[in-house]
């Protein structure tokens, strides 16, 4: 079996290992070859755990809201005092609720 050449890249989604043939696709998405990244800047990114926690929270909220029906999202918008929530579509509600930082109770 032939071994596939891979390359390690670093970018918006973190560190990835991709096939050499997919390298250019990832570079267009903002990734850089690992050897081209300044090790000090990479360490500072990793040490900034607060922003990682914050982005995980935002991602978690987004997924939470995305999993609800629009009726629930409109109710959440009302509870979060978001004006015009009853006129928004699901995508708008998910975005606005995520940005607001509103966290529904576990019973909701």
N, C-alpha and C. Protein backbone atom coordinates (compact mmCIF):
# COMPACT_ATOMS: atom_id res chain seq x y z
N UNK A 1 0.84 -1.17 0.00
CA UNK A 1 0.00 0.00 0.00
C UNK A 1 0.89 1.24 0.00
N UNK A 2 0.61 2.19 -0.88
CA UNK A 2 1.40 3.41 -1.00
C UNK A 2 1.08 4.36 0.14
N UNK A 3 2.12 4.99 0.64
CA UNK A 3 1.94 5.94 1.73
C UNK A 3 1.59 7.31 1.15
N UNK A 4 0.57 7.95 1.73
CA UNK A 4 0.13 9.26 1.27
C UNK A 4 0.96 10.32 1.97
N UNK A 5 1.47 11.28 1.18
CA UNK A 5 2.25 12.37 1.77
C UNK A 5 1.29 13.33 2.47
N UNK A 6 1.67 13.72 3.67
CA UNK A 6 0.86 14.66 4.44
C UNK A 6 1.70 15.87 4.80
N UNK A 7 1.01 16.93 5.17
CA UNK A 7 1.66 18.16 5.61
C UNK A 7 0.90 18.67 6.83
N UNK A 8 1.65 19.22 7.78
CA UNK A 8 1.03 19.75 8.99
C UNK A 8 0.88 21.26 8.83
N UNK A 9 -0.35 21.75 9.06
CA UNK A 9 -0.66 23.17 8.90
C UNK A 9 -1.24 23.71 10.19
N UNK A 10 -1.17 25.02 10.35
CA UNK A 10 -1.74 25.68 11.51
C UNK A 10 -2.57 26.85 11.00
N UNK A 11 -3.77 27.04 11.58
CA UNK A 11 -4.63 28.12 11.11
C UNK A 11 -5.83 28.33 12.01
N UNK A 12 -6.91 28.86 11.43
CA UNK A 12 -8.10 29.22 12.21
C UNK A 12 -8.68 28.07 13.04
N UNK A 13 -8.60 26.87 12.53
CA UNK A 13 -9.15 25.73 13.25
C UNK A 13 -8.12 25.01 14.11
N UNK A 14 -6.93 25.58 14.24
CA UNK A 14 -5.87 24.94 15.01
C UNK A 14 -4.92 24.19 14.10
N UNK A 15 -4.30 23.17 14.65
CA UNK A 15 -3.34 22.36 13.91
C UNK A 15 -4.06 21.24 13.17
N UNK A 16 -3.73 21.06 11.90
CA UNK A 16 -4.32 19.98 11.11
C UNK A 16 -3.24 19.28 10.30
N UNK A 17 -3.48 18.01 10.03
CA UNK A 17 -2.61 17.25 9.14
C UNK A 17 -3.48 16.88 7.94
N UNK A 18 -3.04 17.30 6.75
CA UNK A 18 -3.83 17.06 5.54
C UNK A 18 -2.97 16.41 4.47
N UNK A 19 -3.64 15.80 3.50
CA UNK A 19 -2.93 15.25 2.34
C UNK A 19 -2.23 16.39 1.61
N UNK A 20 -1.06 16.10 1.07
CA UNK A 20 -0.30 17.10 0.32
C UNK A 20 -1.16 17.70 -0.79
N UNK A 21 -2.05 16.91 -1.38
CA UNK A 21 -2.89 17.40 -2.47
C UNK A 21 -3.91 18.43 -2.00
N UNK A 22 -4.25 18.43 -0.70
CA UNK A 22 -5.22 19.39 -0.16
C UNK A 22 -4.57 20.63 0.44
N UNK A 23 -3.27 20.70 0.38
CA UNK A 23 -2.51 21.78 1.01
C UNK A 23 -2.98 23.16 0.55
N UNK A 24 -3.07 23.37 -0.76
CA UNK A 24 -3.44 24.68 -1.30
C UNK A 24 -4.84 25.10 -0.86
N UNK A 25 -5.75 24.15 -0.77
CA UNK A 25 -7.12 24.45 -0.33
C UNK A 25 -7.09 25.04 1.07
N UNK A 26 -6.31 24.43 1.95
CA UNK A 26 -6.23 24.90 3.33
C UNK A 26 -5.48 26.24 3.42
N UNK A 27 -4.50 26.44 2.59
CA UNK A 27 -3.76 27.71 2.60
C UNK A 27 -4.71 28.85 2.21
N UNK A 28 -5.60 28.59 1.26
CA UNK A 28 -6.59 29.60 0.87
C UNK A 28 -7.55 29.91 2.01
N UNK A 29 -7.72 28.96 2.94
CA UNK A 29 -8.60 29.16 4.09
C UNK A 29 -7.89 29.84 5.25
N UNK A 30 -6.61 30.19 5.07
CA UNK A 30 -5.88 30.91 6.11
C UNK A 30 -4.88 30.07 6.90
N UNK A 31 -4.67 28.84 6.50
CA UNK A 31 -3.69 27.99 7.18
C UNK A 31 -2.30 28.26 6.64
N UNK A 32 -1.30 27.98 7.47
CA UNK A 32 0.10 28.15 7.08
C UNK A 32 0.85 26.88 7.43
N UNK A 33 1.90 26.56 6.68
CA UNK A 33 2.72 25.40 7.05
C UNK A 33 3.28 25.59 8.46
N UNK A 34 3.29 24.54 9.23
CA UNK A 34 3.72 24.62 10.62
C UNK A 34 5.10 25.23 10.77
N UNK A 35 6.02 24.89 9.87
CA UNK A 35 7.38 25.42 9.98
C UNK A 35 7.43 26.92 9.71
N UNK A 36 6.40 27.50 9.08
CA UNK A 36 6.36 28.94 8.79
C UNK A 36 5.79 29.75 9.95
N UNK A 37 5.29 29.07 10.99
CA UNK A 37 4.66 29.77 12.11
C UNK A 37 5.71 30.05 13.18
N UNK A 38 5.70 31.26 13.71
CA UNK A 38 6.61 31.66 14.77
C UNK A 38 6.24 30.90 16.05
N UNK A 39 7.15 30.11 16.61
CA UNK A 39 6.82 29.32 17.80
C UNK A 39 6.36 30.17 18.98
N UNK A 40 6.87 31.38 19.12
CA UNK A 40 6.45 32.24 20.23
C UNK A 40 5.00 32.67 20.09
N UNK A 41 4.58 33.00 18.87
CA UNK A 41 3.18 33.41 18.67
C UNK A 41 2.25 32.24 18.90
N UNK A 42 2.68 31.04 18.54
CA UNK A 42 1.86 29.85 18.77
C UNK A 42 1.71 29.58 20.26
N UNK A 43 2.79 29.78 21.03
CA UNK A 43 2.71 29.57 22.47
C UNK A 43 1.77 30.57 23.11
N UNK A 44 1.79 31.82 22.65
CA UNK A 44 0.92 32.82 23.23
C UNK A 44 -0.54 32.51 22.92
N UNK A 45 -0.81 31.94 21.76
CA UNK A 45 -2.18 31.54 21.44
C UNK A 45 -2.64 30.43 22.36
N UNK A 46 -1.76 29.45 22.62
CA UNK A 46 -2.12 28.34 23.47
C UNK A 46 -2.28 28.76 24.92
N UNK A 47 -1.49 29.73 25.38
CA UNK A 47 -1.56 30.16 26.77
C UNK A 47 -2.78 31.03 27.04
N UNK A 48 -3.42 31.51 26.02
CA UNK A 48 -4.60 32.35 26.19
C UNK A 48 -5.83 31.47 26.34
N UNK A 49 -5.91 30.75 27.45
CA UNK A 49 -6.98 29.78 27.64
C UNK A 49 -8.33 30.44 27.86
N UNK A 50 -8.34 31.69 28.35
CA UNK A 50 -9.61 32.36 28.56
C UNK A 50 -10.36 32.55 27.25
N UNK A 51 -9.67 32.97 26.19
CA UNK A 51 -10.35 33.16 24.91
C UNK A 51 -10.77 31.82 24.33
N UNK A 52 -9.99 30.75 24.58
CA UNK A 52 -10.40 29.42 24.14
C UNK A 52 -11.69 29.02 24.84
N UNK A 53 -11.75 29.25 26.16
CA UNK A 53 -12.95 28.92 26.92
C UNK A 53 -14.13 29.73 26.41
N UNK A 54 -13.87 31.02 26.12
CA UNK A 54 -14.94 31.88 25.64
C UNK A 54 -15.45 31.40 24.29
N UNK A 55 -14.55 31.03 23.38
CA UNK A 55 -15.00 30.58 22.06
C UNK A 55 -15.72 29.24 22.17
N UNK A 56 -15.27 28.39 23.08
CA UNK A 56 -15.98 27.13 23.28
C UNK A 56 -17.39 27.40 23.78
N UNK A 57 -17.52 28.36 24.68
CA UNK A 57 -18.83 28.71 25.20
C UNK A 57 -19.72 29.22 24.09
N UNK A 58 -19.18 30.08 23.24
CA UNK A 58 -19.95 30.60 22.11
C UNK A 58 -20.35 29.46 21.17
N UNK A 59 -19.40 28.57 20.88
CA UNK A 59 -19.71 27.42 20.03
C UNK A 59 -20.78 26.54 20.66
N UNK A 60 -20.66 26.32 21.97
CA UNK A 60 -21.65 25.50 22.67
C UNK A 60 -23.02 26.15 22.62
N UNK A 61 -23.07 27.47 22.85
CA UNK A 61 -24.34 28.19 22.79
C UNK A 61 -24.95 28.10 21.40
N UNK A 62 -24.10 28.29 20.39
CA UNK A 62 -24.59 28.22 19.01
C UNK A 62 -25.22 26.86 18.74
N UNK A 63 -24.51 25.79 19.12
CA UNK A 63 -25.04 24.44 18.90
C UNK A 63 -26.31 24.21 19.70
N UNK A 64 -26.36 24.73 20.92
CA UNK A 64 -27.54 24.58 21.75
C UNK A 64 -28.74 25.24 21.08
N UNK A 65 -28.57 26.50 20.66
CA UNK A 65 -29.68 27.21 20.03
C UNK A 65 -30.06 26.57 18.69
N UNK A 66 -29.08 26.14 17.95
CA UNK A 66 -29.33 25.52 16.64
C UNK A 66 -30.19 24.27 16.79
N UNK A 67 -30.08 23.59 17.91
CA UNK A 67 -30.82 22.34 18.11
C UNK A 67 -32.28 22.56 18.53
N UNK A 68 -32.64 23.80 18.87
CA UNK A 68 -34.01 24.08 19.30
C UNK A 68 -34.91 24.46 18.13
N UNK A 69 -36.19 24.31 18.35
CA UNK A 69 -37.18 24.73 17.36
C UNK A 69 -37.34 26.24 17.44
N UNK A 70 -37.86 26.82 16.36
CA UNK A 70 -38.00 28.27 16.29
C UNK A 70 -38.93 28.81 17.37
N UNK A 71 -39.93 28.04 17.77
CA UNK A 71 -40.84 28.48 18.82
C UNK A 71 -40.07 28.69 20.12
N UNK A 72 -39.16 27.76 20.42
CA UNK A 72 -38.34 27.88 21.63
C UNK A 72 -37.40 29.08 21.52
N UNK A 73 -36.82 29.27 20.33
CA UNK A 73 -35.90 30.38 20.14
C UNK A 73 -36.60 31.73 20.32
N UNK A 74 -37.82 31.83 19.85
CA UNK A 74 -38.58 33.07 20.02
C UNK A 74 -38.88 33.31 21.50
N UNK A 75 -39.15 32.23 22.24
CA UNK A 75 -39.39 32.35 23.68
C UNK A 75 -38.11 32.79 24.38
N UNK A 76 -36.98 32.20 24.00
CA UNK A 76 -35.70 32.60 24.58
C UNK A 76 -35.41 34.07 24.28
N UNK A 77 -35.70 34.51 23.06
CA UNK A 77 -35.46 35.91 22.68
C UNK A 77 -36.29 36.84 23.56
N UNK A 78 -37.52 36.43 23.83
CA UNK A 78 -38.37 37.25 24.69
C UNK A 78 -37.80 37.30 26.11
N UNK A 79 -37.37 36.15 26.62
CA UNK A 79 -36.77 36.10 27.96
C UNK A 79 -35.47 36.89 28.03
N UNK A 80 -34.75 36.96 26.92
CA UNK A 80 -33.48 37.68 26.88
C UNK A 80 -33.67 39.16 26.53
N UNK A 81 -34.95 39.59 26.44
CA UNK A 81 -35.29 40.98 26.12
C UNK A 81 -34.71 41.43 24.78
N UNK A 82 -34.77 40.55 23.79
CA UNK A 82 -34.31 40.89 22.44
C UNK A 82 -35.49 41.40 21.65
N UNK A 83 -35.39 42.65 21.22
CA UNK A 83 -36.49 43.27 20.49
C UNK A 83 -36.57 42.73 19.07
N UNK A 84 -37.79 42.48 18.62
CA UNK A 84 -38.02 42.01 17.26
C UNK A 84 -37.79 40.52 17.08
N UNK A 85 -37.57 39.82 18.15
CA UNK A 85 -37.31 38.38 18.06
C UNK A 85 -38.44 37.60 17.43
N UNK A 86 -39.67 38.07 17.63
CA UNK A 86 -40.81 37.36 17.06
C UNK A 86 -40.91 37.52 15.55
N UNK A 87 -40.13 38.44 14.98
CA UNK A 87 -40.12 38.67 13.53
C UNK A 87 -38.93 38.02 12.83
N UNK A 88 -38.03 37.41 13.62
CA UNK A 88 -36.80 36.86 13.05
C UNK A 88 -36.97 35.42 12.60
N UNK A 89 -36.14 35.01 11.63
CA UNK A 89 -36.12 33.60 11.23
C UNK A 89 -35.15 32.86 12.15
N UNK A 90 -35.06 31.55 11.98
CA UNK A 90 -34.26 30.73 12.89
C UNK A 90 -32.79 31.15 12.89
N UNK A 91 -32.21 31.36 11.72
CA UNK A 91 -30.80 31.72 11.63
C UNK A 91 -30.52 33.03 12.38
N UNK A 92 -31.40 34.01 12.21
CA UNK A 92 -31.23 35.29 12.90
C UNK A 92 -31.34 35.11 14.41
N UNK A 93 -32.32 34.32 14.83
CA UNK A 93 -32.50 34.08 16.26
C UNK A 93 -31.29 33.39 16.87
N UNK A 94 -30.77 32.38 16.18
CA UNK A 94 -29.60 31.66 16.68
C UNK A 94 -28.42 32.62 16.81
N UNK A 95 -28.21 33.45 15.80
CA UNK A 95 -27.09 34.40 15.83
C UNK A 95 -27.25 35.41 16.96
N UNK A 96 -28.43 36.02 17.06
CA UNK A 96 -28.66 37.06 18.06
C UNK A 96 -28.60 36.49 19.48
N UNK A 97 -29.18 35.32 19.69
CA UNK A 97 -29.14 34.71 21.01
C UNK A 97 -27.71 34.33 21.40
N UNK A 98 -26.96 33.81 20.43
CA UNK A 98 -25.57 33.44 20.70
C UNK A 98 -24.76 34.68 21.05
N UNK A 99 -24.93 35.74 20.28
CA UNK A 99 -24.20 36.99 20.52
C UNK A 99 -24.59 37.64 21.85
N UNK A 100 -25.85 37.44 22.26
CA UNK A 100 -26.32 38.07 23.50
C UNK A 100 -25.72 37.38 24.73
N UNK A 101 -25.29 36.13 24.55
CA UNK A 101 -24.74 35.38 25.68
C UNK A 101 -25.83 34.78 26.56
N UNK A 102 -27.09 34.90 26.14
CA UNK A 102 -28.20 34.34 26.91
C UNK A 102 -28.02 32.83 27.04
N UNK A 103 -28.17 32.33 28.26
CA UNK A 103 -28.06 30.90 28.50
C UNK A 103 -29.36 30.41 29.11
N UNK A 104 -30.10 29.60 28.34
CA UNK A 104 -31.36 29.08 28.88
C UNK A 104 -31.11 28.17 30.07
N UNK A 105 -32.04 28.15 31.00
CA UNK A 105 -31.93 27.23 32.13
C UNK A 105 -31.92 25.82 31.63
N UNK A 106 -31.34 24.91 32.37
CA UNK A 106 -31.25 23.50 31.93
C UNK A 106 -32.63 22.88 31.76
N UNK A 107 -33.65 23.43 32.43
CA UNK A 107 -34.99 22.88 32.30
C UNK A 107 -35.73 23.34 31.07
N UNK A 108 -35.13 24.29 30.32
CA UNK A 108 -35.82 24.83 29.14
C UNK A 108 -35.47 24.06 27.90
